[in-house]
Amino acid sequence: MNKKEIAAIIDHTYLKPAKKSQIIALCDQAKQYGFASVCVKPCHVKLAAKQLEGSAVKVCTVVGFPLGETTTRTKIYETKEAIKNGATEIDMVLNQSWAKTNNWTKATKEIEQIKKACGNITLKVILETCNLTDKQIVSACQAAIEGGANFVKTSTGFGKGGATVEAVALMAETVHPKGLKVKASGGIHNYDEAMTMVNAGADRIGASCGVEIAEAAK
């Protein structure tokens, strides 16, 4: 992939505590490189939306972050508030307790309700694959499919591990035939690591070092 191609699939991410100047810089970089989106905490969505107004860069934010264990009603409120503030993509965290206990009925219903709140807005479901077995990853993907999500995403970046080739490949194998996409995130530091995930089946890359990845492209 060349610089433009790799940039177009990167969610340029800053989910640590941030100053206003850091969010503005993130948005400026996203416009300069043509990243798919900026991914910021909910409290920064308004600022990011203002900075990106008139550009093709989307505003992505997180819901139920980082464990997914707020109530469904809270997640719905977070989603609607984020969209009201200018978010155009939502990355929601799958309830980790439900996933670990294989309560896929509740998980599916929650995804369905969040997607209803999203409407036409893209919904990505963060599985936090480091916490799950392969069988649970497949079941989580199936919950995302049945719930009407648009993407499944590997990681929050705040768990004990990030994206792995094995998890991305398994997710892609499960969801691609159903029309969903895969976002690899967590621990992707450079162009070679990003391309390894793309070759495993990732359609989107979440990274805090998008500039370094793009600059290293052929």
Protein backbone atom coordinates (compact mmCIF):
# COMPACT_ATOMS: atom_id res chain seq x y z
CA MET A 1 0.00 0.00 0.00
CA ASN A 2 1.18 3.52 -0.69
CA LYS A 3 0.89 6.39 1.78
CA LYS A 4 -2.56 7.49 0.60
CA GLU A 5 -3.97 3.95 0.62
CA ILE A 6 -2.78 3.04 4.10
CA ALA A 7 -3.84 6.41 5.52
CA ALA A 8 -7.37 5.88 4.18
CA ILE A 9 -7.89 2.85 6.46
CA ILE A 10 -6.38 4.28 9.65
CA ASP A 11 -8.41 5.49 12.62
CA HIS A 12 -5.95 8.08 14.01
CA THR A 13 -6.38 7.50 17.72
CA TYR A 14 -5.80 9.35 20.99
CA LEU A 15 -7.61 7.79 23.95
CA LYS A 16 -5.31 8.88 26.77
CA PRO A 17 -6.05 12.04 28.78
CA ALA A 18 -5.54 14.87 26.30
CA LYS A 19 -5.12 18.62 26.14
CA LYS A 20 -7.15 20.67 23.69
CA SER A 21 -3.99 21.31 21.68
CA GLN A 22 -3.38 17.55 21.31
CA ILE A 23 -6.85 16.93 19.90
CA ILE A 24 -6.45 19.84 17.49
CA ALA A 25 -3.07 18.46 16.37
CA LEU A 26 -4.62 15.00 15.92
CA CYS A 27 -7.33 16.46 13.69
CA ASP A 28 -4.84 18.53 11.68
CA GLN A 29 -2.78 15.42 11.02
CA ALA A 30 -5.89 13.48 10.02
CA LYS A 31 -6.79 16.12 7.44
CA GLN A 32 -3.21 16.34 6.18
CA TYR A 33 -2.79 12.58 5.68
CA GLY A 34 -6.37 11.68 4.79
CA PHE A 35 -6.98 9.27 7.64
CA ALA A 36 -10.33 7.47 7.79
CA SER A 37 -11.18 9.01 11.16
CA VAL A 38 -9.92 10.38 14.42
CA CYS A 39 -10.85 8.26 17.42
CA VAL A 40 -11.18 10.26 20.64
CA LYS A 41 -12.86 10.04 24.03
CA PRO A 42 -16.48 11.26 24.19
CA CYS A 43 -15.53 14.50 25.96
CA HIS A 44 -13.47 15.53 22.91
CA VAL A 45 -16.05 14.74 20.21
CA LYS A 46 -17.41 18.29 19.94
CA LEU A 47 -13.92 19.73 19.51
CA ALA A 48 -12.91 17.10 16.96
CA ALA A 49 -16.12 17.61 14.98
CA LYS A 50 -15.49 21.35 14.88
CA GLN A 51 -11.89 20.89 13.74
CA LEU A 52 -12.86 18.39 11.03
CA GLU A 53 -15.89 20.28 9.71
CA GLY A 54 -15.87 20.29 5.92
CA SER A 55 -13.32 17.47 5.65
CA ALA A 56 -13.85 13.81 4.72
CA VAL A 57 -12.35 12.61 8.02
CA LYS A 58 -14.89 10.94 10.31
CA VAL A 59 -15.19 11.47 14.05
CA CYS A 60 -15.08 8.20 15.96
CA THR A 61 -15.59 7.77 19.69
CA VAL A 62 -15.87 4.98 22.23
CA VAL A 63 -18.89 3.77 24.20
CA GLY A 64 -18.82 1.64 27.36
CA PHE A 65 -15.06 2.10 27.43
CA PRO A 66 -12.95 0.18 28.37
CA LEU A 67 -14.74 -2.88 29.83
CA GLY A 68 -18.18 -2.60 28.28
CA GLU A 69 -19.82 -3.20 31.65
CA THR A 70 -21.98 -0.11 31.97
CA THR A 71 -25.70 -0.78 31.55
CA THR A 72 -27.24 -1.00 28.11
CA ARG A 73 -29.31 2.10 28.87
CA THR A 74 -26.11 3.99 29.68
CA LYS A 75 -24.49 2.84 26.44
CA ILE A 76 -27.53 3.96 24.47
CA TYR A 77 -27.35 7.38 26.13
CA GLU A 78 -23.59 7.61 25.44
CA THR A 79 -24.19 6.70 21.80
CA LYS A 80 -26.95 9.25 21.26
CA GLU A 81 -24.99 11.97 23.07
CA ALA A 82 -21.88 11.25 20.99
CA ILE A 83 -23.83 11.44 17.73
CA LYS A 84 -25.49 14.67 18.88
CA ASN A 85 -22.03 16.10 19.53
CA GLY A 86 -20.79 15.18 16.07
CA ALA A 87 -19.59 11.56 16.17
CA THR A 88 -19.97 9.74 12.86
CA GLU A 89 -18.61 6.35 14.01
CA ILE A 90 -19.16 4.51 17.30
CA ASP A 91 -16.79 1.91 18.78
CA MET A 92 -18.67 0.13 21.58
CA VAL A 93 -17.08 -2.33 23.96
CA LEU A 94 -18.70 -5.74 24.24
CA ASN A 95 -19.74 -6.47 27.83
CA GLN A 96 -16.78 -8.53 29.03
CA SER A 97 -18.71 -10.31 31.78
CA TRP A 98 -21.30 -11.50 29.28
CA ALA A 99 -18.61 -12.61 26.86
CA LYS A 100 -16.64 -14.51 29.51
CA THR A 101 -19.81 -16.31 30.68
CA ASN A 102 -21.03 -16.94 27.13
CA ASN A 103 -24.19 -14.92 27.58
CA TRP A 104 -24.54 -14.24 23.87
CA THR A 105 -28.29 -13.60 23.98
CA LYS A 106 -27.77 -10.50 26.14
CA ALA A 107 -24.74 -9.44 24.10
CA THR A 108 -26.63 -9.71 20.82
CA LYS A 109 -29.62 -7.80 22.16
CA GLU A 110 -27.39 -5.00 23.45
CA ILE A 111 -25.58 -4.66 20.10
CA GLU A 112 -28.94 -4.55 18.38
CA GLN A 113 -30.10 -1.73 20.66
CA ILE A 114 -26.89 0.28 20.20
CA LYS A 115 -27.14 -0.13 16.43
CA LYS A 116 -30.72 1.12 16.57
CA ALA A 117 -29.44 4.21 18.41
CA CYS A 118 -26.73 4.62 15.75
CA GLY A 119 -29.10 4.50 12.79
CA ASN A 120 -26.93 4.93 9.69
CA ILE A 121 -23.84 5.69 11.79
CA THR A 122 -21.15 2.99 11.59
CA LEU A 123 -21.03 0.73 14.65
CA LYS A 124 -17.89 -1.20 15.56
CA VAL A 125 -18.01 -3.78 18.35
CA ILE A 126 -14.80 -4.09 20.37
CA LEU A 127 -14.37 -7.72 21.42
CA GLU A 128 -11.18 -7.38 23.53
CA THR A 129 -9.89 -10.61 22.04
CA CYS A 130 -7.11 -11.03 24.62
CA ASN A 131 -9.83 -11.95 27.12
CA LEU A 132 -11.54 -14.52 24.90
CA THR A 133 -10.98 -18.04 23.61
CA ASP A 134 -11.14 -18.68 19.88
CA LYS A 135 -14.62 -20.15 20.33
CA GLN A 136 -15.72 -17.02 22.21
CA ILE A 137 -14.25 -14.78 19.51
CA VAL A 138 -16.37 -16.58 16.92
CA SER A 139 -19.46 -16.33 19.14
CA ALA A 140 -18.82 -12.62 19.73
CA CYS A 141 -18.53 -12.10 15.98
CA GLN A 142 -21.82 -13.92 15.48
CA ALA A 143 -23.45 -11.66 18.10
CA ALA A 144 -22.18 -8.63 16.16
CA ILE A 145 -23.55 -10.06 12.92
CA GLU A 146 -26.97 -10.80 14.43
CA GLY A 147 -27.02 -7.43 16.22
CA GLY A 148 -26.52 -5.55 12.96
CA ALA A 149 -23.06 -4.08 13.62
CA ASN A 150 -20.84 -2.91 10.76
CA PHE A 151 -17.43 -3.93 12.16
CA VAL A 152 -15.86 -6.13 14.77
CA LYS A 153 -12.75 -4.69 16.42
CA THR A 154 -10.01 -6.57 18.23
CA SER A 155 -9.08 -4.43 21.21
CA THR A 156 -9.44 -1.30 23.29
CA GLY A 157 -5.70 -0.85 23.58
CA PHE A 158 -6.13 -0.85 27.36
CA GLY A 159 -6.37 -4.61 27.90
CA LYS A 160 -3.60 -7.11 28.63
CA GLY A 161 -2.98 -7.58 24.90
CA GLY A 162 -3.75 -6.04 21.53
CA ALA A 163 -4.43 -7.25 18.02
CA THR A 164 -2.96 -10.57 16.90
CA VAL A 165 -2.76 -12.04 13.43
CA GLU A 166 -4.61 -15.13 14.63
CA ALA A 167 -7.53 -13.19 16.08
CA VAL A 168 -7.82 -10.91 13.03
CA ALA A 169 -7.81 -13.88 10.66
CA LEU A 170 -10.45 -15.70 12.72
CA MET A 171 -12.64 -12.60 12.89
CA ALA A 172 -12.31 -11.97 9.15
CA GLU A 173 -13.15 -15.58 8.36
CA THR A 174 -16.29 -15.30 10.48
CA VAL A 175 -17.65 -11.87 9.51
CA HIS A 176 -16.47 -11.14 5.98
CA PRO A 177 -18.91 -13.61 4.40
CA LYS A 178 -21.72 -11.77 6.24
CA GLY A 179 -20.65 -8.34 4.99
CA LEU A 180 -19.07 -7.02 8.18
CA LYS A 181 -15.55 -5.59 8.35
CA VAL A 182 -12.67 -6.03 10.78
CA LYS A 183 -10.75 -3.34 12.66
CA ALA A 184 -7.39 -4.31 14.13
CA SER A 185 -6.23 -2.14 17.02
CA GLY A 186 -3.96 -2.32 20.01
CA GLY A 187 -0.20 -2.65 19.75
CA ILE A 188 0.15 -1.68 16.09
CA HIS A 189 3.22 0.54 16.07
CA ASN A 190 4.56 0.65 12.51
CA TYR A 191 3.84 0.08 8.82
CA ASP A 192 4.99 -3.56 8.79
CA GLU A 193 2.74 -4.45 11.73
CA ALA A 194 -0.17 -2.63 10.10
CA MET A 195 0.32 -4.49 6.82
CA THR A 196 0.54 -7.82 8.66
CA MET A 197 -2.94 -7.11 10.03
CA VAL A 198 -4.24 -6.04 6.62
CA ASN A 199 -2.90 -9.24 5.08
CA ALA A 200 -4.63 -11.23 7.85
CA GLY A 201 -7.96 -9.64 6.93
CA ALA A 202 -8.17 -6.24 8.65
CA ASP A 203 -10.16 -3.57 6.78
CA ARG A 204 -9.35 -0.77 9.23
CA ILE A 205 -6.39 -0.09 11.52
CA GLY A 206 -6.68 1.70 14.85
CA ALA A 207 -3.40 3.27 15.93
CA SER A 208 -2.00 6.23 17.82
CA CYS A 209 0.99 6.38 15.47
CA GLY A 210 -0.85 6.84 12.19
CA VAL A 211 1.61 9.44 10.96
CA GLU A 212 4.57 7.08 11.43
CA ILE A 213 2.71 4.28 9.66
CA ALA A 214 1.77 6.47 6.70
CA GLU A 215 5.25 7.98 6.38
CA ALA A 216 6.78 4.50 6.21
CA ALA A 217 4.50 3.41 3.34
CA LYS A 218 6.11 2.61 0.02
